[in-house]
Amino acid sequence: MYRNVRNKSTIPALFAQTVALNPDKPALIYEATGEVWSFRDLQQRCHAVAHWARDQGWTEGDVVALLLESHPVVVALWLGLAMVGVEAAFINHNLRQHSLSHCVSVSGARAMVFGTEMTEGNHVGLTVCLLLPDQQTLRNTHTHTQKYYRYSLCVSADRLFYIYTSGTTGMPKAAIVVHSRYFRIAAFGFHSFGLRPEDVIYTCLPLYHSAGTIMGVGQCLLFGVTVVIRRKFSASRFWDDCVKHSCTVIQYIGEICRYLLAQPVRPSEARHKVRVAVGNGLRSSVWEEFVQRFRIQRVGEFYGATECNCSLINIDGKVGSCGFNSRILPSFYPIRLVRVQRDSNALLRDSQGLCIPCQPGEPGMLVGRINDVDPLRRFDGYADRDSTSQKIAHNVFRMGDSAYVSGDVLVMDECGYMYFRDRSGDTFRWRGENVSTTEVEGVLSGLLGHTDVAVYGVPVPGVEGKAGMAAIAHAGGQIDLDAFLSAVQKALPSYARPVFLRLMPSVDTTGTFKIQKTRLQNEGFKPQDTSDKIYFLNSGAGGYEAVTDELFRAIVEGEVSL
């Protein structure tokens, strides 16, 4: 790995080596149609894209936005563009109007390539190029193969493409992915989780996300693994697909594992050949149930954002852990959990102005020391400088240094295992205690049959801290609130029990199944702002009761005890 980093090998160049070893082996399989691309097929399509990009007048350093649903053609597009030094910007195909225009704008894209299903691509105010997935230029490409093969070896630009942050706490930011970062992420996944060239990976993750395009497709491009691409996640078809394609590795992210557990038992659960599950966000509350029910031999849980320099990997299957860092040799991997202010999450400093390390069991902000000389330790940042500077802190480990601030709160145990606690800003304080929304969400979801739950804090006038509120996906029918409260009282301490409930048809999530809470937090518990049913935990009456306009007024004016 370090040899490739040292030699500044590009991803197209490394892919060319993979093709030479496996020309006729299946590289990508499109589940929707059963279409199979061999490594030679994929390479020829990439060369066709490189030729087509040159014909458009695009040159090294140009940015082209991609707005397509998951399909093998997405891989041919970004890799073919990379062969001539053009940088792709992966746009979330669920975005519309302002958010879509924002993402295109911050990338500095010169043009956009979009699929026929993406009609919004016509409304972003820049040159638009329409490329159909079955366009003839991606077929019969042998005439251009030799002419453009050299592009896979001579690209000088370091940037490979842009992947956007999920936008759970604001507008998405375009994270820069360089060639060495792509290789590092894919290689760590391959070697750490015991993957093999003969594996078949099933990915239903969006290809605009790093988990799908790097951790998933990267195994194909760099190590010759076959990848099955599904256009969109389907809980009901998941295991049937794995059986159909003899998949040995699956990818998960966010709440996928919980969605699978919520499905009725199927015969395909016992017939699949899946050996390894790789991903991030597997809650400890469902980890063991997931492994036991679906007979998964190994869980490859990891922590990391596209742009971060402090990724973590759980290599030994420690339940609930997202990774490990040695407490004996902490400088070997220069990351740290540091103390932050409870309300603002600002980094706390000691008398010398340095950040204060957390003790085992103490939640803290994850930071990683930046080393611009080491490609694996540097922070490449985002397309806009302001966003980049906001993620960098100085004088963290020692005076004069710089560190990437993840924005995530983790906790480390005595042995060095790390556990994800919350995203910055998600933890709230109530009754003098810090409430972890992630932990409460896991408990409540388990009590409700693995349904979607969003937990957040809402301010109440005249009351210190924030009261816990849980938005619950409830399609209809009756819910026994008394039985629910009884179960909650057994499972959660008093300060962590939701004071307010909101029953809604579905909970907002991102395209990668992360819960979105901004709108919910802004709307609070005011019944006039929504048609959803809102309930209040009346401690005096010992149960939840519907929030009416009159009860809302009484709570706000302090007439009701919380």
Protein backbone atom coordinates (compact mmCIF):
# COMPACT_ATOMS: atom_id res chain seq x y z
CA MET A 1 0.00 0.00 0.00
CA TYR A 2 2.72 2.45 0.98
CA ARG A 3 4.59 1.61 -2.23
CA ASN A 4 1.63 2.73 -4.31
CA VAL A 5 1.27 5.89 -2.23
CA ARG A 6 5.00 6.58 -2.54
CA ASN A 7 4.94 6.03 -6.30
CA LYS A 8 1.88 8.28 -6.63
CA SER A 9 0.05 5.55 -8.51
CA THR A 10 -3.27 6.70 -9.92
CA ILE A 11 -6.45 4.67 -9.60
CA PRO A 12 -6.73 4.28 -13.42
CA ALA A 13 -3.16 2.92 -13.50
CA LEU A 14 -3.86 0.43 -10.72
CA PHE A 15 -7.09 -0.59 -12.42
CA ALA A 16 -5.15 -1.31 -15.63
CA GLN A 17 -3.01 -3.76 -13.65
CA THR A 18 -6.14 -5.47 -12.31
CA VAL A 19 -7.57 -5.80 -15.83
CA ALA A 20 -4.35 -7.41 -17.06
CA LEU A 21 -4.70 -10.10 -14.39
CA ASN A 22 -8.46 -10.69 -14.78
CA PRO A 23 -9.55 -9.62 -18.28
CA ASP A 24 -12.52 -11.99 -18.62
CA LYS A 25 -13.59 -12.23 -14.99
CA PRO A 26 -16.92 -10.55 -14.06
CA ALA A 27 -16.19 -7.13 -12.63
CA LEU A 28 -19.64 -5.56 -12.21
CA ILE A 29 -23.08 -7.14 -12.27
CA TYR A 30 -26.18 -4.96 -12.50
CA GLU A 31 -28.81 -6.74 -10.43
CA ALA A 32 -31.81 -5.11 -12.11
CA THR A 33 -31.07 -6.63 -15.53
CA GLY A 34 -28.47 -9.30 -14.83
CA GLU A 35 -26.05 -7.48 -17.14
CA VAL A 36 -22.45 -8.57 -16.55
CA TRP A 37 -19.38 -6.46 -17.35
CA SER A 38 -16.04 -8.23 -17.41
CA PHE A 39 -12.95 -6.29 -16.41
CA ARG A 40 -12.11 -5.89 -20.09
CA ASP A 41 -15.65 -4.61 -20.76
CA LEU A 42 -15.35 -2.07 -17.98
CA GLN A 43 -11.96 -0.89 -19.21
CA GLN A 44 -13.23 -0.44 -22.76
CA ARG A 45 -16.19 1.59 -21.53
CA CYS A 46 -13.84 3.74 -19.46
CA HIS A 47 -11.71 4.39 -22.54
CA ALA A 48 -14.85 5.35 -24.47
CA VAL A 49 -15.73 7.85 -21.74
CA ALA A 50 -12.19 9.25 -21.85
CA HIS A 51 -12.48 9.69 -25.62
CA TRP A 52 -15.94 11.26 -25.27
CA ALA A 53 -14.71 13.63 -22.53
CA ARG A 54 -11.90 14.84 -24.79
CA ASP A 55 -14.42 15.44 -27.55
CA GLN A 56 -16.40 17.65 -25.16
CA GLY A 57 -13.32 19.82 -24.70
CA TRP A 58 -12.85 18.86 -21.07
CA THR A 59 -9.27 18.89 -19.85
CA GLU A 60 -7.30 17.97 -16.76
CA GLY A 61 -8.60 19.80 -13.69
CA ASP A 62 -12.13 20.32 -15.02
CA VAL A 63 -15.01 19.16 -12.82
CA VAL A 64 -18.07 17.36 -14.19
CA ALA A 65 -21.07 16.61 -11.98
CA LEU A 66 -22.69 13.16 -12.11
CA LEU A 67 -26.39 12.84 -11.31
CA LEU A 68 -27.34 9.20 -11.83
CA GLU A 69 -28.84 6.34 -9.89
CA SER A 70 -26.57 3.42 -9.04
CA HIS A 71 -25.56 1.55 -12.19
CA PRO A 72 -22.27 0.16 -13.57
CA VAL A 73 -22.18 3.09 -16.00
CA VAL A 74 -21.48 5.38 -13.03
CA VAL A 75 -18.20 3.55 -12.47
CA ALA A 76 -17.28 3.79 -16.16
CA LEU A 77 -18.04 7.51 -16.10
CA TRP A 78 -15.96 8.62 -13.13
CA LEU A 79 -13.08 6.26 -13.89
CA GLY A 80 -13.06 7.21 -17.57
CA LEU A 81 -13.07 10.89 -16.65
CA ALA A 82 -10.19 10.26 -14.24
CA MET A 83 -8.16 8.77 -17.09
CA VAL A 84 -7.98 12.22 -18.67
CA GLY A 85 -7.69 14.10 -15.37
CA VAL A 86 -11.31 15.28 -15.23
CA GLU A 87 -12.72 15.21 -11.69
CA ALA A 88 -16.23 13.88 -11.10
CA ALA A 89 -18.53 15.39 -8.49
CA PHE A 90 -20.97 12.76 -7.19
CA ILE A 91 -24.36 14.42 -6.68
CA ASN A 92 -26.97 12.80 -4.46
CA HIS A 93 -29.71 11.91 -6.96
CA ASN A 94 -32.37 12.54 -4.30
CA LEU A 95 -31.60 16.27 -4.19
CA ARG A 96 -33.85 18.80 -5.87
CA GLN A 97 -33.92 22.53 -6.60
CA HIS A 98 -31.87 24.63 -4.14
CA SER A 99 -29.90 21.76 -2.61
CA LEU A 100 -29.08 20.39 -6.05
CA SER A 101 -27.98 23.79 -7.34
CA HIS A 102 -25.86 24.31 -4.22
CA CYS A 103 -23.97 21.04 -4.70
CA VAL A 104 -23.28 21.75 -8.35
CA SER A 105 -22.17 25.28 -7.55
CA VAL A 106 -19.71 24.47 -4.76
CA SER A 107 -17.98 21.86 -6.91
CA GLY A 108 -17.28 24.35 -9.68
CA ALA A 109 -18.63 21.83 -12.18
CA ARG A 110 -18.30 22.78 -15.82
CA ALA A 111 -21.04 20.38 -16.94
CA MET A 112 -23.36 17.69 -15.68
CA VAL A 113 -23.98 14.14 -16.84
CA PHE A 114 -27.36 12.81 -15.78
CA GLY A 115 -29.57 9.83 -16.45
CA THR A 116 -32.95 9.94 -18.13
CA GLU A 117 -34.64 9.48 -14.76
CA MET A 118 -33.04 12.68 -13.43
CA THR A 119 -35.23 15.41 -14.95
CA GLU A 120 -33.98 17.89 -12.36
CA GLY A 121 -30.67 17.85 -14.22
CA ASN A 122 -32.21 20.27 -16.70
CA HIS A 123 -32.60 23.00 -14.09
CA VAL A 124 -29.18 23.66 -12.61
CA GLY A 125 -28.08 26.53 -14.82
CA LEU A 126 -25.01 25.10 -16.55
CA THR A 127 -24.05 23.15 -19.65
CA VAL A 128 -25.81 19.81 -19.49
CA CYS A 129 -24.76 16.64 -21.28
CA LEU A 130 -27.20 13.75 -21.33
CA LEU A 131 -25.66 10.29 -21.39
CA LEU A 132 -28.00 7.31 -21.48
CA PRO A 133 -26.82 4.18 -19.63
CA ASP A 134 -27.15 2.16 -22.86
CA GLN A 135 -25.65 4.78 -25.14
CA GLN A 136 -23.78 3.26 -28.06
CA THR A 137 -20.56 5.13 -27.23
CA LEU A 138 -20.18 2.86 -24.21
CA ARG A 139 -20.41 -0.18 -26.48
CA ASN A 140 -18.26 -1.29 -29.42
CA THR A 141 -15.38 0.76 -28.06
CA HIS A 142 -12.44 -1.32 -29.22
CA THR A 143 -11.44 1.28 -31.80
CA HIS A 144 -10.54 3.73 -29.06
CA THR A 145 -8.98 1.34 -26.58
CA GLN A 146 -5.34 1.65 -27.60
CA LYS A 147 -5.52 5.34 -28.31
CA TYR A 148 -6.73 6.20 -24.82
CA TYR A 149 -5.05 3.50 -22.79
CA ARG A 150 -2.17 5.88 -22.08
CA TYR A 151 -4.43 8.23 -20.15
CA SER A 152 -4.67 5.73 -17.35
CA LEU A 153 -0.95 6.13 -16.77
CA CYS A 154 -0.12 9.79 -17.22
CA VAL A 155 -2.62 11.82 -15.19
CA SER A 156 -0.70 14.29 -13.03
CA ALA A 157 -3.55 15.81 -11.01
CA ASP A 158 -3.81 14.53 -7.45
CA ARG A 159 -7.56 15.00 -7.10
CA LEU A 160 -9.69 12.04 -8.14
CA PHE A 161 -13.27 13.19 -7.45
CA TYR A 162 -15.59 14.87 -4.96
CA ILE A 163 -18.04 13.16 -2.62
CA TYR A 164 -20.51 15.20 -0.61
CA THR A 165 -21.15 15.06 3.10
CA SER A 166 -24.62 13.83 4.02
CA GLY A 167 -25.92 17.26 4.98
CA THR A 168 -27.49 16.13 8.26
CA THR A 169 -26.26 19.30 10.02
CA GLY A 170 -26.37 21.78 7.13
CA MET A 171 -25.86 22.02 3.39
CA PRO A 172 -23.68 19.25 1.92
CA LYS A 173 -19.97 19.98 1.51
CA ALA A 174 -17.89 18.66 -1.40
CA ALA A 175 -15.11 16.57 0.16
CA ILE A 176 -11.96 16.17 -1.91
CA VAL A 177 -10.89 12.57 -2.58
CA VAL A 178 -7.36 12.14 -3.92
CA HIS A 179 -5.98 9.00 -5.54
CA SER A 180 -4.01 7.95 -2.45
CA ARG A 181 -7.06 8.28 -0.19
CA TYR A 182 -9.16 6.11 -2.48
CA PHE A 183 -6.51 3.42 -2.46
CA ARG A 184 -5.99 3.63 1.29
CA ILE A 185 -9.69 3.24 2.15
CA ALA A 186 -10.22 0.33 -0.25
CA ALA A 187 -6.98 -1.41 0.78
CA PHE A 188 -7.69 -1.12 4.50
CA GLY A 189 -11.09 -2.70 3.94
CA PHE A 190 -9.71 -5.53 1.82
CA HIS A 191 -6.85 -6.51 4.14
CA SER A 192 -8.44 -5.74 7.51
CA PHE A 193 -11.63 -7.71 6.98
CA GLY A 194 -10.12 -10.74 5.27
CA LEU A 195 -11.62 -10.17 1.83
CA ARG A 196 -10.48 -12.35 -1.07
CA PRO A 197 -10.18 -11.80 -4.84
CA GLU A 198 -12.74 -14.59 -5.39
CA ASP A 199 -15.34 -12.84 -3.22
CA VAL A 200 -18.59 -11.45 -4.63
CA ILE A 201 -19.69 -8.23 -2.93
CA TYR A 202 -23.34 -7.19 -2.80
CA THR A 203 -23.79 -3.44 -2.57
CA CYS A 204 -27.15 -1.73 -2.46
CA LEU A 205 -25.55 1.50 -1.25
CA PRO A 206 -25.73 4.63 -3.40
CA LEU A 207 -22.66 5.12 -5.56
CA TYR A 208 -22.61 8.83 -4.74
CA HIS A 209 -21.44 7.77 -1.27
CA SER A 210 -17.89 6.72 -0.37
CA ALA A 211 -19.04 3.42 1.14
CA GLY A 212 -20.41 2.29 -2.22
CA THR A 213 -17.89 3.84 -4.59
CA ILE A 214 -14.70 3.37 -2.54
CA MET A 215 -15.17 0.62 0.05
CA GLY A 216 -17.36 -1.39 -2.33
CA VAL A 217 -16.38 -0.73 -5.96
CA GLY A 218 -12.78 -0.12 -4.87
CA GLN A 219 -12.43 -3.84 -4.14
CA CYS A 220 -13.31 -4.50 -7.78
CA LEU A 221 -10.99 -1.93 -9.33
CA LEU A 222 -7.96 -2.63 -7.15
CA PHE A 223 -8.25 -6.27 -6.08
CA GLY A 224 -10.30 -7.99 -8.78
CA VAL A 225 -13.37 -8.67 -6.65
CA THR A 226 -16.74 -9.00 -8.40
CA VAL A 227 -19.32 -6.44 -7.25
CA VAL A 228 -23.08 -6.78 -7.63
CA ILE A 229 -24.72 -3.34 -7.86
CA ARG A 230 -28.35 -2.89 -6.89
CA ARG A 231 -30.04 0.34 -7.93
CA LYS A 232 -31.76 0.80 -4.59
CA PHE A 233 -31.87 -1.00 -1.25
CA SER A 234 -34.72 -3.46 -0.79
CA ALA A 235 -35.10 -5.18 2.56
CA SER A 236 -37.47 -7.77 1.11
CA ARG A 237 -35.17 -8.70 -1.79
CA PHE A 238 -31.82 -8.45 0.02
CA TRP A 239 -31.16 -12.10 0.84
CA ASP A 240 -32.79 -13.37 -2.35
CA ASP A 241 -30.29 -11.27 -4.30
CA CYS A 242 -27.40 -12.63 -2.25
CA VAL A 243 -28.48 -16.21 -2.99
CA LYS A 244 -29.04 -15.48 -6.68
CA HIS A 245 -25.54 -14.07 -7.20
CA SER A 246 -23.70 -16.28 -4.66
CA CYS A 247 -22.55 -13.21 -2.75
CA THR A 248 -19.99 -13.74 0.01
CA VAL A 249 -19.69 -10.16 1.28
CA ILE A 250 -22.41 -7.60 1.95
CA GLN A 251 -22.21 -3.89 2.65
CA TYR A 252 -24.35 -2.05 5.14
CA ILE A 253 -24.63 1.50 6.40
CA GLY A 254 -26.81 3.39 8.81
CA GLU A 255 -29.98 1.49 9.58
CA ILE A 256 -29.86 -1.24 6.92
CA CYS A 257 -29.20 -4.02 9.44
CA ARG A 258 -32.18 -2.95 11.52
CA TYR A 259 -34.40 -2.85 8.43
CA LEU A 260 -33.36 -6.43 7.62
CA LEU A 261 -34.16 -7.59 11.15
CA ALA A 262 -37.61 -6.05 10.87
CA GLN A 263 -38.40 -8.31 7.91
CA PRO A 264 -40.20 -11.65 8.35
CA VAL A 265 -38.01 -14.75 8.27
CA ARG A 266 -37.33 -15.98 4.73
CA PRO A 267 -35.87 -19.26 3.41
CA SER A 268 -33.11 -17.32 1.64
CA GLU A 269 -31.71 -16.30 5.03
CA ALA A 270 -30.52 -19.87 5.48
CA ARG A 271 -29.33 -20.43 1.90
CA HIS A 272 -26.97 -17.52 1.36
CA LYS A 273 -23.16 -17.78 1.31
CA VAL A 274 -22.43 -14.43 2.93
CA ARG A 275 -19.33 -14.63 5.11
CA VAL A 276 -18.55 -10.99 5.91
CA ALA A 277 -20.65 -7.87 6.50
CA VAL A 278 -18.72 -4.62 6.03
CA GLY A 279 -19.99 -1.19 6.96
CA ASN A 280 -20.54 1.38 9.63
CA GLY A 281 -23.37 2.32 11.93
CA LEU A 282 -24.34 -1.13 13.22
CA ARG A 283 -25.92 -0.35 16.57
CA SER A 284 -24.80 -2.42 19.53
CA SER A 285 -28.47 -2.98 20.38
CA VAL A 286 -28.96 -5.11 17.22
CA TRP A 287 -25.40 -6.35 16.56
CA GLU A 288 -25.67 -9.82 18.11
CA GLU A 289 -29.20 -10.40 16.86
CA PHE A 290 -28.07 -9.53 13.32
CA VAL A 291 -25.07 -11.87 13.46
CA GLN A 292 -27.02 -14.77 14.94
CA ARG A 293 -30.13 -14.56 12.79
CA PHE A 294 -28.30 -14.18 9.48
CA ARG A 295 -25.31 -16.41 10.37
CA ILE A 296 -22.67 -13.77 9.63
CA GLN A 297 -19.18 -15.05 10.42
CA ARG A 298 -17.50 -11.68 10.57
CA VAL A 299 -18.62 -8.08 10.99
CA GLY A 300 -16.24 -5.49 9.56
CA GLU A 301 -17.43 -2.37 11.37
CA PHE A 302 -15.45 0.82 10.79
CA TYR A 303 -15.65 4.52 11.51
CA GLY A 304 -14.75 7.20 9.03
CA ALA A 305 -15.94 10.08 6.94
CA THR A 306 -14.89 10.53 3.33
CA GLU A 307 -12.55 13.38 4.22
CA CYS A 308 -11.30 12.39 7.69
CA ASN A 309 -7.77 11.39 8.64
CA CYS A 310 -8.79 9.50 11.78
CA SER A 311 -10.59 6.42 10.49
CA LEU A 312 -11.05 3.45 12.80
CA ILE A 313 -11.46 -0.25 12.07
CA ASN A 314 -12.86 -3.02 14.27
CA ILE A 315 -10.80 -5.99 13.13
CA ASP A 316 -11.80 -8.53 15.80
CA GLY A 317 -15.58 -8.16 15.93
CA LYS A 318 -15.84 -6.49 19.33
CA VAL A 319 -19.59 -5.98 19.71
CA GLY A 320 -20.59 -2.33 19.46
CA SER A 321 -17.10 -1.03 18.77
CA CYS A 322 -16.26 1.00 15.67
CA GLY A 323 -12.51 0.57 16.06
CA PHE A 324 -9.44 0.39 18.24
CA ASN A 325 -6.46 2.57 19.12
CA SER A 326 -3.59 1.40 21.29
CA ARG A 327 -3.37 2.99 24.73
CA ILE A 328 0.19 1.68 25.05
CA LEU A 329 1.47 3.31 21.84
CA PRO A 330 -1.02 6.11 21.18
CA SER A 331 1.46 8.06 19.03
CA PHE A 332 1.60 5.19 16.52
CA TYR A 333 -1.77 6.35 15.22
CA PRO A 334 -2.07 10.03 16.22
CA ILE A 335 -5.76 10.34 17.00
CA ARG A 336 -7.32 11.33 20.29
CA LEU A 337 -10.55 11.94 22.13
CA VAL A 338 -10.51 15.39 23.69
CA ARG A 339 -12.84 17.16 26.08
CA VAL A 340 -15.43 19.61 24.78
CA GLN A 341 -17.85 22.07 26.32
CA ARG A 342 -21.21 20.45 26.96
CA ASP A 343 -23.37 22.93 25.11
CA SER A 344 -21.21 24.32 22.32
CA ASN A 345 -18.87 21.34 21.72
CA ALA A 346 -15.98 23.81 21.68
CA LEU A 347 -12.62 22.18 22.45
CA LEU A 348 -11.55 22.66 26.07
CA ARG A 349 -7.96 23.73 26.77
CA ASP A 350 -5.55 23.26 29.66
CA SER A 351 -3.38 25.97 31.23
CA GLN A 352 -0.88 25.64 28.37
CA GLY A 353 -3.53 26.08 25.70
CA LEU A 354 -3.55 22.46 24.55
CA CYS A 355 -6.58 20.20 24.22
CA ILE A 356 -7.36 17.96 27.19
CA PRO A 357 -7.32 14.20 26.52
CA CYS A 358 -10.30 12.19 27.74
CA GLN A 359 -9.97 9.37 30.23
CA PRO A 360 -11.37 5.90 29.47
CA GLY A 361 -15.14 5.98 29.72
CA GLU A 362 -15.26 9.73 29.18
CA PRO A 363 -16.98 10.88 25.96
CA GLY A 364 -14.96 13.24 23.81
CA MET A 365 -14.48 14.70 20.35
CA LEU A 366 -12.41 12.58 17.97
CA VAL A 367 -9.51 14.50 16.40
CA GLY A 368 -6.66 13.42 14.13
CA ARG A 369 -3.28 15.13 13.84
CA ILE A 370 -2.63 16.55 10.37
CA ASN A 371 0.65 15.72 8.64
CA ASP A 372 0.79 17.31 5.20
CA VAL A 373 3.91 15.33 4.28
CA ASP A 374 2.19 11.97 4.82
CA PRO A 375 -0.57 11.35 2.23
CA LEU A 376 -2.33 9.09 4.72
CA ARG A 377 -2.34 11.67 7.52
CA ARG A 378 -3.12 14.88 5.68
CA PHE A 379 -6.52 16.53 5.50
CA ASP A 380 -7.50 17.36 1.93
CA GLY A 381 -10.60 19.25 2.99
CA TYR A 382 -13.47 20.47 0.85
CA ALA A 383 -13.93 22.32 -2.41
CA ASP A 384 -14.45 25.61 -0.55
CA ARG A 385 -11.79 26.93 1.82
CA ASP A 386 -14.16 28.21 4.50
CA SER A 387 -15.60 24.75 5.10
CA THR A 388 -12.07 23.33 5.23
CA SER A 389 -10.82 25.84 7.81
CA GLN A 390 -13.83 25.19 10.06
CA LYS A 391 -12.75 21.56 10.47
CA ILE A 392 -9.17 22.35 11.53
CA ALA A 393 -8.05 23.11 15.09
CA HIS A 394 -4.59 24.24 16.15
CA ASN A 395 -2.46 23.52 19.22
CA VAL A 396 -4.21 20.22 19.86
CA PHE A 397 -1.55 17.58 20.66
CA ARG A 398 1.26 20.10 21.01
CA MET A 399 1.87 23.77 20.33
CA GLY A 400 1.98 24.67 16.66
CA ASP A 401 0.28 21.55 15.33
CA SER A 402 -3.01 21.19 13.47
CA ALA A 403 -5.72 18.55 13.72
CA TYR A 404 -8.86 17.53 11.90
CA VAL A 405 -11.95 17.85 14.11
CA SER A 406 -14.39 15.08 13.25
CA GLY A 407 -17.47 16.59 14.86
CA ASP A 408 -18.29 13.17 16.33
CA VAL A 409 -18.34 12.22 19.99
CA LEU A 410 -16.88 8.80 20.84
CA VAL A 411 -15.87 7.03 24.03
CA MET A 412 -12.92 4.69 24.60
CA ASP A 413 -12.81 1.82 27.08
CA GLU A 414 -9.87 0.69 29.21
CA CYS A 415 -8.59 -1.58 26.44
CA GLY A 416 -8.63 1.05 23.69
CA TYR A 417 -11.83 0.04 21.91
CA MET A 418 -13.77 3.01 20.56
CA TYR A 419 -17.54 3.36 20.58
CA PHE A 420 -19.55 5.91 18.63
CA ARG A 421 -21.65 8.02 20.98
CA ASP A 422 -23.20 10.87 18.99
CA ARG A 423 -22.74 13.38 16.25
CA SER A 424 -21.72 16.80 17.44
CA GLY A 425 -24.83 18.69 18.48
CA ASP A 426 -26.99 15.58 18.89
CA THR A 427 -26.25 15.04 22.58
CA PHE A 428 -28.39 17.20 24.83
CA ARG A 429 -28.52 17.86 28.55
CA TRP A 430 -31.58 17.15 30.70
CA ARG A 431 -31.94 16.99 34.48
CA GLY A 432 -28.21 17.57 34.86
CA GLU A 433 -27.31 14.58 32.69
CA ASN A 434 -26.04 14.20 29.12
CA VAL A 435 -28.45 12.24 26.94
CA SER A 436 -27.02 10.30 24.00
CA THR A 437 -29.58 10.35 21.22
CA THR A 438 -27.92 7.42 19.48
CA GLU A 439 -28.27 5.20 22.54
CA VAL A 440 -31.87 6.20 23.19
CA GLU A 441 -32.80 5.70 19.53
CA GLY A 442 -31.39 2.19 19.66
CA VAL A 443 -33.39 1.29 22.76
CA LEU A 444 -36.67 2.76 21.54
CA SER A 445 -36.33 1.21 18.10
CA GLY A 446 -35.77 -2.20 19.67
CA LEU A 447 -38.87 -1.81 21.83
CA LEU A 448 -40.93 -0.93 18.76
CA GLY A 449 -39.88 -3.77 16.48
CA HIS A 450 -36.95 -2.00 14.82
CA THR A 451 -38.98 0.91 13.48
CA ASP A 452 -37.34 4.27 12.63
CA VAL A 453 -36.93 6.56 15.64
CA ALA A 454 -35.35 10.03 15.79
CA VAL A 455 -34.46 11.36 19.24
CA TYR A 456 -33.56 15.01 19.83
CA GLY A 457 -33.76 17.70 22.47
CA VAL A 458 -36.31 20.53 22.40
CA PRO A 459 -36.15 23.70 24.50
CA VAL A 460 -38.98 24.41 26.94
CA PRO A 461 -39.34 28.03 28.14
CA GLY A 462 -38.19 28.51 31.72
CA VAL A 463 -36.67 25.04 31.98
CA GLU A 464 -32.93 24.35 32.05
CA GLY A 465 -31.57 22.06 29.35
CA LYS A 466 -33.63 20.40 26.65
CA ALA A 467 -36.46 17.91 27.02
CA GLY A 468 -36.12 14.68 25.11
CA MET A 469 -38.45 14.16 22.17
CA ALA A 470 -38.82 11.03 20.05
CA ALA A 471 -40.26 11.06 16.54
CA ILE A 472 -41.53 7.56 15.76
CA ALA A 473 -42.38 6.17 12.34
CA HIS A 474 -45.94 4.92 12.82
CA ALA A 475 -47.95 4.09 9.72
CA GLY A 476 -51.27 3.98 11.55
CA GLY A 477 -53.37 1.85 13.82
CA GLN A 478 -53.27 1.83 17.58
CA ILE A 479 -50.18 2.14 19.74
CA ASP A 480 -50.37 1.16 23.40
CA LEU A 481 -48.66 4.14 25.02
CA ASP A 482 -49.06 2.72 28.53
CA ALA A 483 -47.27 -0.49 27.57
CA PHE A 484 -44.65 1.53 25.71
CA LEU A 485 -44.02 3.75 28.74
CA SER A 486 -43.73 0.73 31.00
CA ALA A 487 -41.09 -0.77 28.71
CA VAL A 488 -39.25 2.55 28.47
CA GLN A 489 -39.15 2.90 32.27
CA LYS A 490 -37.48 -0.51 32.51
CA ALA A 491 -34.97 0.19 29.75
CA LEU A 492 -33.94 3.82 30.27
CA PRO A 493 -33.01 6.03 33.22
CA SER A 494 -35.51 8.75 34.05
CA TYR A 495 -33.51 11.57 32.43
CA ALA A 496 -33.27 9.67 29.10
CA ARG A 497 -36.97 8.88 28.74
CA PRO A 498 -38.65 10.98 26.05
CA VAL A 499 -40.80 13.75 27.49
CA PHE A 500 -42.51 14.22 24.14
CA LEU A 501 -43.50 11.75 21.43
CA ARG A 502 -44.35 12.51 17.83
CA LEU A 503 -46.05 9.83 15.74
CA MET A 504 -45.51 10.35 12.02
CA PRO A 505 -45.88 8.26 8.83
CA SER A 506 -42.11 8.14 8.31
CA VAL A 507 -38.96 9.68 9.72
CA ASP A 508 -36.79 11.78 7.40
CA THR A 509 -33.56 10.03 6.41
CA THR A 510 -30.72 10.76 4.01
CA GLY A 511 -29.98 8.59 0.99
CA THR A 512 -27.60 6.62 3.22
CA PHE A 513 -30.21 6.02 5.92
CA LYS A 514 -29.02 8.59 8.42
CA ILE A 515 -31.78 10.19 10.47
CA GLN A 516 -32.41 13.87 9.66
CA LYS A 517 -33.52 15.92 12.65
CA THR A 518 -33.19 19.59 11.70
CA ARG A 519 -36.82 20.04 10.66
CA LEU A 520 -38.07 18.09 13.66
CA GLN A 521 -36.00 20.16 16.07
CA ASN A 522 -37.24 23.40 14.54
CA GLU A 523 -40.89 22.33 14.82
CA GLY A 524 -40.53 21.20 18.42
CA PHE A 525 -43.69 20.07 20.21
CA LYS A 526 -46.09 22.75 18.99
CA PRO A 527 -49.24 20.98 17.72
CA GLN A 528 -50.16 23.83 15.35
CA ASP A 529 -47.03 23.20 13.25
CA THR A 530 -47.90 19.66 12.21
CA SER A 531 -50.73 17.26 11.58
CA ASP A 532 -48.78 14.52 13.39
CA LYS A 533 -49.94 13.41 16.81
CA ILE A 534 -47.79 14.75 19.65
CA TYR A 535 -47.84 13.38 23.19
CA PHE A 536 -46.50 14.69 26.51
CA LEU A 537 -45.29 12.57 29.42
CA ASN A 538 -47.39 13.83 32.30
CA SER A 539 -45.42 12.66 35.32
CA GLY A 540 -48.28 13.54 37.65
CA ALA A 541 -50.77 11.40 35.76
CA GLY A 542 -48.17 8.72 35.06
CA GLY A 543 -48.69 8.49 31.32
CA TYR A 544 -48.53 10.12 27.91
CA GLU A 545 -51.35 12.44 26.89
CA ALA A 546 -52.08 14.24 23.63
CA VAL A 547 -50.69 17.77 23.34
CA THR A 548 -53.58 20.12 22.63
CA ASP A 549 -53.32 23.86 22.10
CA GLU A 550 -54.33 24.35 25.73
CA LEU A 551 -51.78 21.86 27.06
CA PHE A 552 -49.08 23.41 24.88
CA ARG A 553 -49.85 26.83 26.37
CA ALA A 554 -49.75 25.41 29.89
CA ILE A 555 -46.36 23.76 29.30
CA VAL A 556 -44.87 26.91 27.78
CA GLU A 557 -46.17 29.10 30.61
CA GLY A 558 -44.84 26.76 33.29
CA GLU A 559 -48.21 25.62 34.60
CA VAL A 560 -47.37 21.95 34.07
CA SER A 561 -44.48 20.25 35.81
CA LEU A 562 -41.93 18.50 33.65
